[in-house]
Amino acid sequence: MEVANFGDGVHLKGNADGPIQAIMTPGARLSVRLAKWVREGGFEVMAIRAPTVKEGGERIRVVIHEFNSSEEIVGLKDRL
């Protein structure tokens, strides 16, 4: 289930209320580049790609913790 669309094939997939979020990306190269760019903005995310997931299922993994503030979550959204 698509929850939010960030454009260029990048979208949030899954349960928007859960702590682990998958930001789906079209391709491993974009996953790695986008994860690096988001980390440079001060957010800890990981690119997940084959062989961990099937080709075509590349994503950026985001974990939202209880201690994350609303401002941090909005900042991550804005960075994406």
C-alpha atoms as a PDB file:
ATOM      1  CA  MET A   1       0.000   0.000   0.000  1.00  0.00           C
ATOM      2  CA  GLU A   2       1.428   3.388  -1.012  1.00  0.00           C
ATOM      3  CA  VAL A   3       1.129   5.954   1.779  1.00  0.00           C
ATOM      4  CA  ALA A   4       2.999   9.005   0.418  1.00  0.00           C
ATOM      5  CA  ASN A   5       4.540   9.848  -2.950  1.00  0.00           C
ATOM      6  CA  PHE A   6       7.699  11.999  -3.110  1.00  0.00           C
ATOM      7  CA  GLY A   7       7.981  12.008  -6.926  1.00  0.00           C
ATOM      8  CA  ASP A   8      10.385  10.342  -9.373  1.00  0.00           C
ATOM      9  CA  GLY A   9       9.237   6.885  -8.261  1.00  0.00           C
ATOM     10  CA  VAL A  10      10.174   7.477  -4.611  1.00  0.00           C
ATOM     11  CA  HIS A  11       7.316   6.695  -2.234  1.00  0.00           C
ATOM     12  CA  LEU A  12       6.533   5.534   1.295  1.00  0.00           C
ATOM     13  CA  LYS A  13       5.111   2.049   1.386  1.00  0.00           C
ATOM     14  CA  GLY A  14       3.474   0.212   4.238  1.00  0.00           C
ATOM     15  CA  ASN A  15       1.988   1.035   7.595  1.00  0.00           C
ATOM     16  CA  ALA A  16       2.424   4.771   8.198  1.00  0.00           C
ATOM     17  CA  ASP A  17       1.841   4.204  11.936  1.00  0.00           C
ATOM     18  CA  GLY A  18       4.660   1.689  12.414  1.00  0.00           C
ATOM     19  CA  PRO A  19       8.181   2.510  13.605  1.00  0.00           C
ATOM     20  CA  ILE A  20       9.938   0.989  10.573  1.00  0.00           C
ATOM     21  CA  GLN A  21       9.218   2.738   7.303  1.00  0.00           C
ATOM     22  CA  ALA A  22      10.217   1.755   3.772  1.00  0.00           C
ATOM     23  CA  ILE A  23      10.895   4.575   1.325  1.00  0.00           C
ATOM     24  CA  MET A  24      10.711   2.718  -1.980  1.00  0.00           C
ATOM     25  CA  THR A  25      13.153   3.783  -4.684  1.00  0.00           C
ATOM     26  CA  PRO A  26      13.419   2.761  -8.338  1.00  0.00           C
ATOM     27  CA  GLY A  27      16.788   1.013  -8.402  1.00  0.00           C
ATOM     28  CA  ALA A  28      19.780   0.242  -6.194  1.00  0.00           C
ATOM     29  CA  ARG A  29      21.861   3.178  -7.413  1.00  0.00           C
ATOM     30  CA  LEU A  30      19.172   5.703  -6.458  1.00  0.00           C
ATOM     31  CA  SER A  31      18.683   3.984  -3.078  1.00  0.00           C
ATOM     32  CA  VAL A  32      22.354   4.382  -2.233  1.00  0.00           C
ATOM     33  CA  ARG A  33      22.566   7.981  -3.490  1.00  0.00           C
ATOM     34  CA  LEU A  34      19.364   9.074  -1.757  1.00  0.00           C
ATOM     35  CA  ALA A  35      20.323   7.384   1.526  1.00  0.00           C
ATOM     36  CA  LYS A  36      23.703   9.122   1.431  1.00  0.00           C
ATOM     37  CA  TRP A  37      22.071  12.493   0.764  1.00  0.00           C
ATOM     38  CA  VAL A  38      19.561  12.010   3.596  1.00  0.00           C
ATOM     39  CA  ARG A  39      22.381  10.985   5.986  1.00  0.00           C
ATOM     40  CA  GLU A  40      24.281  14.149   5.001  1.00  0.00           C
ATOM     41  CA  GLY A  41      21.222  16.038   6.260  1.00  0.00           C
ATOM     42  CA  GLY A  42      21.691  14.475   9.697  1.00  0.00           C
ATOM     43  CA  PHE A  43      19.291  11.524   9.479  1.00  0.00           C
ATOM     44  CA  GLU A  44      20.331   7.900   9.989  1.00  0.00           C
ATOM     45  CA  VAL A  45      18.843   5.785   7.192  1.00  0.00           C
ATOM     46  CA  MET A  46      20.004   2.696   5.322  1.00  0.00           C
ATOM     47  CA  ALA A  47      19.771   1.720   1.658  1.00  0.00           C
ATOM     48  CA  ILE A  48      18.345  -1.798   1.353  1.00  0.00           C
ATOM     49  CA  ARG A  49      19.007  -3.497  -1.992  1.00  0.00           C
ATOM     50  CA  ALA A  50      19.600  -6.893  -3.611  1.00  0.00           C
ATOM     51  CA  PRO A  51      20.332  -9.503  -2.440  1.00  0.00           C
ATOM     52  CA  THR A  52      18.602  -8.440   0.802  1.00  0.00           C
ATOM     53  CA  VAL A  53      15.466  -7.656  -1.222  1.00  0.00           C
ATOM     54  CA  LYS A  54      14.533  -8.729  -4.744  1.00  0.00           C
ATOM     55  CA  GLU A  55      15.681  -6.481  -7.564  1.00  0.00           C
ATOM     56  CA  GLY A  56      12.971  -3.895  -8.046  1.00  0.00           C
ATOM     57  CA  GLY A  57      12.246  -3.832  -4.307  1.00  0.00           C
ATOM     58  CA  GLU A  58      15.024  -1.399  -3.375  1.00  0.00           C
ATOM     59  CA  ARG A  59      14.260   0.945  -0.524  1.00  0.00           C
ATOM     60  CA  ILE A  60      15.560   3.198   2.169  1.00  0.00           C
ATOM     61  CA  ARG A  61      14.877   1.941   5.671  1.00  0.00           C
ATOM     62  CA  VAL A  62      13.850   4.507   8.253  1.00  0.00           C
ATOM     63  CA  VAL A  63      13.274   3.677  11.912  1.00  0.00           C
ATOM     64  CA  ILE A  64      11.292   6.201  13.918  1.00  0.00           C
ATOM     65  CA  HIS A  65      12.052   6.034  17.623  1.00  0.00           C
ATOM     66  CA  GLU A  66       9.982   7.208  20.575  1.00  0.00           C
ATOM     67  CA  PHE A  67      12.573   9.895  21.280  1.00  0.00           C
ATOM     68  CA  ASN A  68      12.361  11.433  17.780  1.00  0.00           C
ATOM     69  CA  SER A  69      10.655  14.813  17.877  1.00  0.00           C
ATOM     70  CA  SER A  70       7.931  15.951  15.495  1.00  0.00           C
ATOM     71  CA  GLU A  71      10.421  18.492  14.132  1.00  0.00           C
ATOM     72  CA  GLU A  72      12.885  15.710  13.291  1.00  0.00           C
ATOM     73  CA  ILE A  73      10.213  13.713  11.468  1.00  0.00           C
ATOM     74  CA  VAL A  74       9.102  16.781   9.486  1.00  0.00           C
ATOM     75  CA  GLY A  75      12.766  17.530   8.732  1.00  0.00           C
ATOM     76  CA  LEU A  76      13.204  14.023   7.313  1.00  0.00           C
ATOM     77  CA  LYS A  77      10.082  14.422   5.180  1.00  0.00           C
ATOM     78  CA  ASP A  78      11.338  17.777   3.926  1.00  0.00           C
ATOM     79  CA  ARG A  79      14.759  16.276   3.127  1.00  0.00           C
ATOM     80  CA  LEU A  80      13.083  13.625   0.997  1.00  0.00           C
END
